[in-house]
Amino acid sequence: MTVTEERLMRYATVLARDDIDHMLGPQFPLPDADHGFWERWKSAAAAVIALADREHPPPPGSTMRKLPAHILALIVLRPYVSTACEMAQALESAMVRHPDFADELRMYRDLMHDYCRLNNKFSDVPCACPHPHRER
């Protein structure tokens, strides 16, 4: 994710507001943009944004972490089944063993299929699960 000037200023403004509230109290306004502390707040905001971007995974379906095609061609991949679909399959098995809970287990199975990543984040291989309750 790129750091836009708008995003940087939004974070810097939050940091500035926290600093001023801590040092002077909430009754003091934010300083003008030419105040010397803005560079410090912007620098701190850039560090916060970089950390947040590193620690938060990309959204489902993102190919941001996909390996290059020439590397993928060198490896053998097993069929991909997302962890959500693995859990859905376990819930499906539990429905057979515990028919009294079948309706609740079915609800959670469908929810797990909804959480499926659909494509492996490293290889972009589609999930091999048939996702029985929804259209693909």
Protein backbone atom coordinates (compact mmCIF):
# COMPACT_ATOMS: atom_id res chain seq x y z
CA MET A 1 0.00 0.00 0.00
CA THR A 2 1.41 3.37 -0.90
CA VAL A 3 1.64 6.23 1.55
CA THR A 4 -0.32 9.08 0.07
CA GLU A 5 0.14 12.61 1.34
CA GLU A 6 -3.48 12.62 2.51
CA ARG A 7 -2.99 9.41 4.51
CA LEU A 8 0.26 10.69 5.97
CA MET A 9 -1.34 13.96 7.07
CA ARG A 10 -4.30 12.14 8.58
CA TYR A 11 -1.98 10.06 10.78
CA ALA A 12 0.26 13.06 11.52
CA THR A 13 -2.76 15.09 12.62
CA VAL A 14 -3.80 12.34 15.03
CA LEU A 15 -0.26 12.23 16.46
CA ALA A 16 -0.15 16.04 16.71
CA ARG A 17 -3.50 16.14 18.48
CA ASP A 18 -2.32 13.47 20.97
CA ASP A 19 0.93 15.36 21.60
CA ILE A 20 -0.78 18.71 22.15
CA ASP A 21 -3.49 17.20 24.36
CA HIS A 22 -0.83 15.47 26.43
CA MET A 23 1.48 18.50 26.75
CA LEU A 24 -0.94 21.44 26.83
CA GLY A 25 -4.49 20.15 27.06
CA PRO A 26 -7.36 19.77 24.59
CA GLN A 27 -8.23 23.48 24.64
CA PHE A 28 -5.15 24.35 22.52
CA PRO A 29 -5.57 24.30 18.72
CA LEU A 30 -3.30 22.47 16.31
CA PRO A 31 -0.37 24.60 15.13
CA ASP A 32 -0.13 25.93 11.58
CA ALA A 33 1.40 23.72 8.88
CA ASP A 34 4.68 25.70 8.99
CA HIS A 35 5.24 24.84 12.68
CA GLY A 36 8.54 22.95 13.16
CA PHE A 37 6.92 19.98 14.89
CA TRP A 38 4.93 18.98 11.80
CA GLU A 39 8.02 17.31 10.29
CA ARG A 40 8.45 15.25 13.47
CA TRP A 41 4.78 14.26 13.44
CA LYS A 42 4.92 13.38 9.75
CA SER A 43 8.04 11.26 10.31
CA ALA A 44 6.37 9.42 13.18
CA ALA A 45 3.22 8.97 11.08
CA ALA A 46 5.24 7.45 8.22
CA ALA A 47 6.73 4.93 10.67
CA VAL A 48 3.28 4.08 12.04
CA ILE A 49 1.89 3.60 8.52
CA ALA A 50 4.82 1.37 7.48
CA LEU A 51 4.36 -0.78 10.57
CA ALA A 52 0.59 -1.05 10.05
CA ASP A 53 1.06 -2.03 6.39
CA ARG A 54 3.61 -4.70 7.32
CA GLU A 55 1.54 -6.21 10.12
CA HIS A 56 -1.83 -6.31 8.39
CA PRO A 57 -2.18 -9.01 5.74
CA PRO A 58 -3.44 -8.11 2.29
CA PRO A 59 -7.17 -8.61 1.68
CA PRO A 60 -8.47 -11.98 0.47
CA GLY A 61 -7.89 -12.45 -3.24
CA SER A 62 -4.89 -10.13 -3.28
CA THR A 63 -1.96 -11.31 -5.42
CA MET A 64 0.47 -8.98 -3.66
CA ARG A 65 2.50 -11.89 -2.21
CA LYS A 66 2.25 -14.14 -5.27
CA LEU A 67 5.49 -15.84 -6.31
CA PRO A 68 6.81 -15.06 -9.81
CA ALA A 69 5.64 -17.39 -12.61
CA HIS A 70 9.15 -18.71 -13.36
CA ILE A 71 9.52 -19.82 -9.70
CA LEU A 72 6.06 -21.43 -9.65
CA ALA A 73 7.02 -23.38 -12.79
CA LEU A 74 9.90 -25.01 -10.87
CA ILE A 75 7.80 -26.47 -8.04
CA VAL A 76 5.11 -29.13 -7.74
CA LEU A 77 2.04 -27.96 -5.89
CA ARG A 78 -0.52 -30.13 -4.13
CA PRO A 79 -4.13 -29.17 -4.73
CA TYR A 80 -4.86 -26.13 -2.58
CA VAL A 81 -7.67 -26.23 -0.01
CA SER A 82 -7.99 -23.16 2.17
CA THR A 83 -7.92 -23.57 5.94
CA ALA A 84 -11.51 -22.30 6.06
CA CYS A 85 -12.59 -25.07 3.67
CA GLU A 86 -10.63 -27.65 5.67
CA MET A 87 -12.64 -26.57 8.71
CA ALA A 88 -15.86 -26.71 6.65
CA GLN A 89 -15.03 -30.31 5.69
CA ALA A 90 -14.43 -31.17 9.36
CA LEU A 91 -17.81 -29.64 10.22
CA GLU A 92 -19.39 -31.72 7.43
CA SER A 93 -17.94 -34.89 9.00
CA ALA A 94 -19.24 -33.83 12.41
CA MET A 95 -22.74 -33.55 10.93
CA VAL A 96 -22.67 -37.31 10.23
CA ARG A 97 -21.44 -38.16 13.74
CA HIS A 98 -23.74 -35.68 15.53
CA PRO A 99 -27.04 -35.46 13.62
CA ASP A 100 -28.69 -33.64 16.54
CA PHE A 101 -26.44 -30.65 15.83
CA ALA A 102 -26.65 -30.88 12.03
CA ASP A 103 -28.44 -27.55 11.52
CA GLU A 104 -25.95 -25.60 13.63
CA LEU A 105 -22.97 -27.44 12.11
CA ARG A 106 -24.33 -26.73 8.61
CA MET A 107 -24.58 -23.02 9.43
CA TYR A 108 -20.93 -22.93 10.55
CA ARG A 109 -19.86 -25.03 7.55
CA ASP A 110 -21.42 -22.50 5.19
CA LEU A 111 -19.81 -19.66 7.11
CA MET A 112 -16.38 -21.31 6.75
CA HIS A 113 -16.90 -21.65 3.01
CA ASP A 114 -17.73 -17.93 2.91
CA TYR A 115 -14.38 -17.23 4.60
CA CYS A 116 -12.47 -19.19 1.94
CA ARG A 117 -9.57 -17.26 0.43
CA LEU A 118 -10.52 -18.79 -3.00
CA ASN A 119 -6.92 -18.48 -4.24
CA ASN A 120 -3.65 -19.37 -2.53
CA LYS A 121 -1.93 -16.11 -1.65
CA PHE A 122 1.50 -17.31 -2.80
CA SER A 123 0.67 -19.30 -5.93
CA ASP A 124 -2.78 -17.92 -6.90
CA VAL A 125 -3.95 -21.55 -7.32
CA PRO A 126 -7.73 -21.73 -6.83
CA CYS A 127 -9.19 -23.61 -3.86
CA ALA A 128 -10.00 -27.22 -4.85
CA CYS A 129 -13.02 -27.38 -2.54
CA PRO A 130 -16.31 -27.45 -4.48
CA HIS A 131 -17.93 -24.91 -2.07
CA PRO A 132 -21.21 -26.83 -2.27
CA HIS A 133 -23.58 -24.18 -0.93
CA ARG A 134 -22.68 -21.28 -3.16
CA GLU A 135 -22.18 -20.40 -6.79
CA ARG A 136 -18.58 -20.09 -7.92
